[in-house]
Every structure is written in C-alpha cells, then in structure tokens.
Amino acid sequence: MSSEPWVAVEEVAKHLGVAKDSVYRWIESRGLPAHKIGRLWKFRLSEIDSWVEAGGAAEPPKDEAVKKP
C-alpha cells in the first residue's frame, strides 16, 4: 500500500509550474493520470512525474497541432 498522499489540482499546477486550466485540459486531452473522488480530481505526484518524463506534457508536432477541416 502506498503512503504517498493524494493532492489536488492546485498542488499539481504548482508542482508543474502551469495554470490549473492546463491541468484540466491535460486530463481530458492528454491522459494526465488523475482520479475522480466525488466531484474532485486527485493526483499522486509520482504518477504526474512519470507522465511528464514519458512525454505526456510535450507539445504535439506542428502538423498535428493544427486541425485540418
């Protein structure tokens, strides 16, 4: 059993140096590891760090970032 504490969106945003909106957007579009507990999103910073190290927060290539009609 892990003794690592669960943290909130605010702590993740501060840990990564980004806005809370970015955290919510990454949950939806990039698979940021998050767990819904009631109405709140909770995280383990070790999972967040692994996600970042695996390239989860990397910008997509320019041709993928532009949506084509």
N, C-alpha and C. Protein backbone atom coordinates (compact mmCIF):
# COMPACT_ATOMS: atom_id res chain seq x y z
N MET A 1 0.84 -1.18 0.00
CA MET A 1 0.00 0.00 0.00
C MET A 1 0.88 1.25 0.00
N SER A 2 0.52 2.24 -0.80
CA SER A 2 1.31 3.45 -0.93
C SER A 2 0.94 4.45 0.17
N SER A 3 1.96 5.08 0.72
CA SER A 3 1.70 6.11 1.74
C SER A 3 1.79 7.51 1.13
N GLU A 4 1.95 7.57 -0.19
CA GLU A 4 2.02 8.86 -0.86
C GLU A 4 0.66 9.55 -0.77
N PRO A 5 0.65 10.81 -0.36
CA PRO A 5 -0.64 11.50 -0.22
C PRO A 5 -1.25 11.87 -1.57
N TRP A 6 -2.56 11.96 -1.58
CA TRP A 6 -3.28 12.46 -2.75
C TRP A 6 -3.21 13.98 -2.70
N VAL A 7 -3.07 14.60 -3.86
CA VAL A 7 -3.03 16.06 -3.92
C VAL A 7 -4.10 16.57 -4.87
N ALA A 8 -4.41 17.85 -4.75
CA ALA A 8 -5.46 18.49 -5.54
C ALA A 8 -4.86 19.16 -6.78
N VAL A 9 -5.74 19.66 -7.64
CA VAL A 9 -5.35 20.32 -8.88
C VAL A 9 -4.37 21.47 -8.59
N GLU A 10 -4.62 22.23 -7.56
CA GLU A 10 -3.76 23.37 -7.24
C GLU A 10 -2.32 22.94 -7.00
N GLU A 11 -2.14 21.84 -6.27
CA GLU A 11 -0.79 21.35 -5.99
C GLU A 11 -0.10 20.85 -7.25
N VAL A 12 -0.85 20.19 -8.13
CA VAL A 12 -0.27 19.70 -9.39
C VAL A 12 0.15 20.89 -10.26
N ALA A 13 -0.70 21.89 -10.36
CA ALA A 13 -0.38 23.07 -11.15
C ALA A 13 0.88 23.74 -10.61
N LYS A 14 0.97 23.87 -9.31
CA LYS A 14 2.15 24.49 -8.69
C LYS A 14 3.39 23.62 -8.93
N HIS A 15 3.26 22.32 -8.77
CA HIS A 15 4.37 21.36 -8.97
C HIS A 15 4.93 21.46 -10.39
N LEU A 16 4.05 21.61 -11.37
CA LEU A 16 4.47 21.67 -12.77
C LEU A 16 4.73 23.10 -13.27
N GLY A 17 4.31 24.09 -12.49
CA GLY A 17 4.50 25.48 -12.89
C GLY A 17 3.59 25.89 -14.03
N VAL A 18 2.35 25.40 -14.00
CA VAL A 18 1.37 25.72 -15.04
C VAL A 18 0.08 26.20 -14.39
N ALA A 19 -0.84 26.67 -15.21
CA ALA A 19 -2.15 27.10 -14.72
C ALA A 19 -3.04 25.89 -14.45
N LYS A 20 -4.00 26.06 -13.54
CA LYS A 20 -4.95 24.97 -13.26
C LYS A 20 -5.70 24.57 -14.51
N ASP A 21 -6.01 25.52 -15.38
CA ASP A 21 -6.71 25.21 -16.63
C ASP A 21 -5.92 24.21 -17.48
N SER A 22 -4.60 24.34 -17.47
CA SER A 22 -3.76 23.39 -18.21
C SER A 22 -3.91 21.99 -17.66
N VAL A 23 -3.97 21.87 -16.34
CA VAL A 23 -4.12 20.56 -15.70
C VAL A 23 -5.44 19.92 -16.15
N TYR A 24 -6.53 20.68 -16.09
CA TYR A 24 -7.83 20.14 -16.52
C TYR A 24 -7.81 19.75 -18.00
N ARG A 25 -7.19 20.59 -18.83
CA ARG A 25 -7.12 20.31 -20.27
C ARG A 25 -6.31 19.03 -20.52
N TRP A 26 -5.19 18.85 -19.79
CA TRP A 26 -4.36 17.65 -19.96
C TRP A 26 -5.07 16.39 -19.48
N ILE A 27 -5.93 16.50 -18.50
CA ILE A 27 -6.72 15.33 -18.07
C ILE A 27 -7.58 14.86 -19.25
N GLU A 28 -8.26 15.81 -19.90
CA GLU A 28 -9.18 15.48 -20.99
C GLU A 28 -8.48 15.05 -22.28
N SER A 29 -7.40 15.76 -22.65
CA SER A 29 -6.84 15.55 -23.98
C SER A 29 -5.54 14.77 -24.04
N ARG A 30 -4.83 14.66 -22.94
CA ARG A 30 -3.52 14.04 -23.00
C ARG A 30 -3.33 12.90 -22.00
N GLY A 31 -4.37 12.52 -21.31
CA GLY A 31 -4.28 11.37 -20.43
C GLY A 31 -3.49 11.60 -19.16
N LEU A 32 -3.50 12.84 -18.65
CA LEU A 32 -2.84 13.11 -17.37
C LEU A 32 -3.43 12.17 -16.31
N PRO A 33 -2.60 11.43 -15.59
CA PRO A 33 -3.14 10.48 -14.61
C PRO A 33 -3.85 11.20 -13.47
N ALA A 34 -5.15 11.01 -13.41
CA ALA A 34 -5.99 11.66 -12.40
C ALA A 34 -7.07 10.69 -11.95
N HIS A 35 -7.52 10.88 -10.74
CA HIS A 35 -8.54 10.01 -10.17
C HIS A 35 -9.67 10.88 -9.63
N LYS A 36 -10.88 10.61 -10.08
CA LYS A 36 -12.04 11.39 -9.64
C LYS A 36 -12.54 10.80 -8.33
N ILE A 37 -12.57 11.64 -7.31
CA ILE A 37 -13.08 11.24 -6.00
C ILE A 37 -14.21 12.20 -5.69
N GLY A 38 -15.43 11.70 -5.82
CA GLY A 38 -16.59 12.58 -5.71
C GLY A 38 -16.57 13.56 -6.87
N ARG A 39 -16.58 14.84 -6.55
CA ARG A 39 -16.53 15.88 -7.59
C ARG A 39 -15.12 16.40 -7.80
N LEU A 40 -14.16 15.90 -7.05
CA LEU A 40 -12.80 16.43 -7.08
C LEU A 40 -11.84 15.52 -7.83
N TRP A 41 -10.87 16.12 -8.51
CA TRP A 41 -9.79 15.37 -9.12
C TRP A 41 -8.66 15.28 -8.11
N LYS A 42 -8.09 14.10 -7.95
CA LYS A 42 -6.95 13.89 -7.05
C LYS A 42 -5.83 13.22 -7.82
N PHE A 43 -4.61 13.45 -7.37
CA PHE A 43 -3.43 13.00 -8.09
C PHE A 43 -2.38 12.50 -7.12
N ARG A 44 -1.47 11.68 -7.65
CA ARG A 44 -0.25 11.31 -6.93
C ARG A 44 0.89 11.91 -7.73
N LEU A 45 1.72 12.69 -7.07
CA LEU A 45 2.78 13.40 -7.78
C LEU A 45 3.75 12.45 -8.47
N SER A 46 3.94 11.25 -7.94
CA SER A 46 4.83 10.29 -8.60
C SER A 46 4.25 9.89 -9.96
N GLU A 47 2.93 9.76 -10.07
CA GLU A 47 2.29 9.43 -11.35
C GLU A 47 2.42 10.61 -12.32
N ILE A 48 2.29 11.82 -11.80
CA ILE A 48 2.42 13.01 -12.63
C ILE A 48 3.83 13.10 -13.19
N ASP A 49 4.83 12.89 -12.32
CA ASP A 49 6.23 12.95 -12.76
C ASP A 49 6.52 11.89 -13.82
N SER A 50 6.00 10.70 -13.65
CA SER A 50 6.21 9.64 -14.65
C SER A 50 5.57 10.01 -15.98
N TRP A 51 4.38 10.60 -15.92
CA TRP A 51 3.68 11.02 -17.12
C TRP A 51 4.49 12.08 -17.88
N VAL A 52 5.03 13.05 -17.14
CA VAL A 52 5.83 14.10 -17.77
C VAL A 52 7.09 13.50 -18.38
N GLU A 53 7.78 12.62 -17.64
CA GLU A 53 9.01 12.01 -18.13
C GLU A 53 8.76 11.14 -19.37
N ALA A 54 7.56 10.60 -19.49
CA ALA A 54 7.22 9.78 -20.66
C ALA A 54 6.79 10.64 -21.86
N GLY A 55 6.77 11.96 -21.69
CA GLY A 55 6.43 12.85 -22.79
C GLY A 55 4.99 13.28 -22.84
N GLY A 56 4.23 13.02 -21.79
CA GLY A 56 2.81 13.36 -21.79
C GLY A 56 2.52 14.85 -21.92
N ALA A 57 3.42 15.68 -21.41
CA ALA A 57 3.20 17.12 -21.45
C ALA A 57 3.86 17.78 -22.66
N ALA A 58 4.53 16.99 -23.48
CA ALA A 58 5.23 17.55 -24.64
C ALA A 58 4.24 18.12 -25.65
N GLU A 59 4.68 19.17 -26.32
CA GLU A 59 3.85 19.76 -27.37
C GLU A 59 3.77 18.79 -28.54
N PRO A 60 2.58 18.63 -29.13
CA PRO A 60 2.48 17.77 -30.31
C PRO A 60 3.21 18.42 -31.48
N PRO A 61 3.64 17.61 -32.45
CA PRO A 61 4.28 18.19 -33.65
C PRO A 61 3.34 19.20 -34.30
N LYS A 62 3.92 20.21 -34.96
CA LYS A 62 3.13 21.30 -35.55
C LYS A 62 2.02 20.80 -36.47
N ASP A 63 2.28 19.79 -37.31
CA ASP A 63 1.25 19.33 -38.23
C ASP A 63 0.08 18.66 -37.51
N GLU A 64 0.31 18.12 -36.31
CA GLU A 64 -0.78 17.52 -35.53
C GLU A 64 -1.52 18.57 -34.72
N ALA A 65 -0.84 19.66 -34.36
CA ALA A 65 -1.46 20.69 -33.53
C ALA A 65 -2.49 21.49 -34.32
N VAL A 66 -2.30 21.60 -35.62
CA VAL A 66 -3.23 22.36 -36.46
C VAL A 66 -4.34 21.43 -36.94
N LYS A 67 -5.55 21.78 -36.59
CA LYS A 67 -6.71 20.97 -37.00
C LYS A 67 -7.05 21.28 -38.45
N LYS A 68 -7.15 20.25 -39.24
CA LYS A 68 -7.49 20.44 -40.65
C LYS A 68 -8.99 20.18 -40.84
N PRO A 69 -9.66 21.03 -41.65
CA PRO A 69 -11.11 20.88 -41.83
C PRO A 69 -11.49 19.61 -42.54
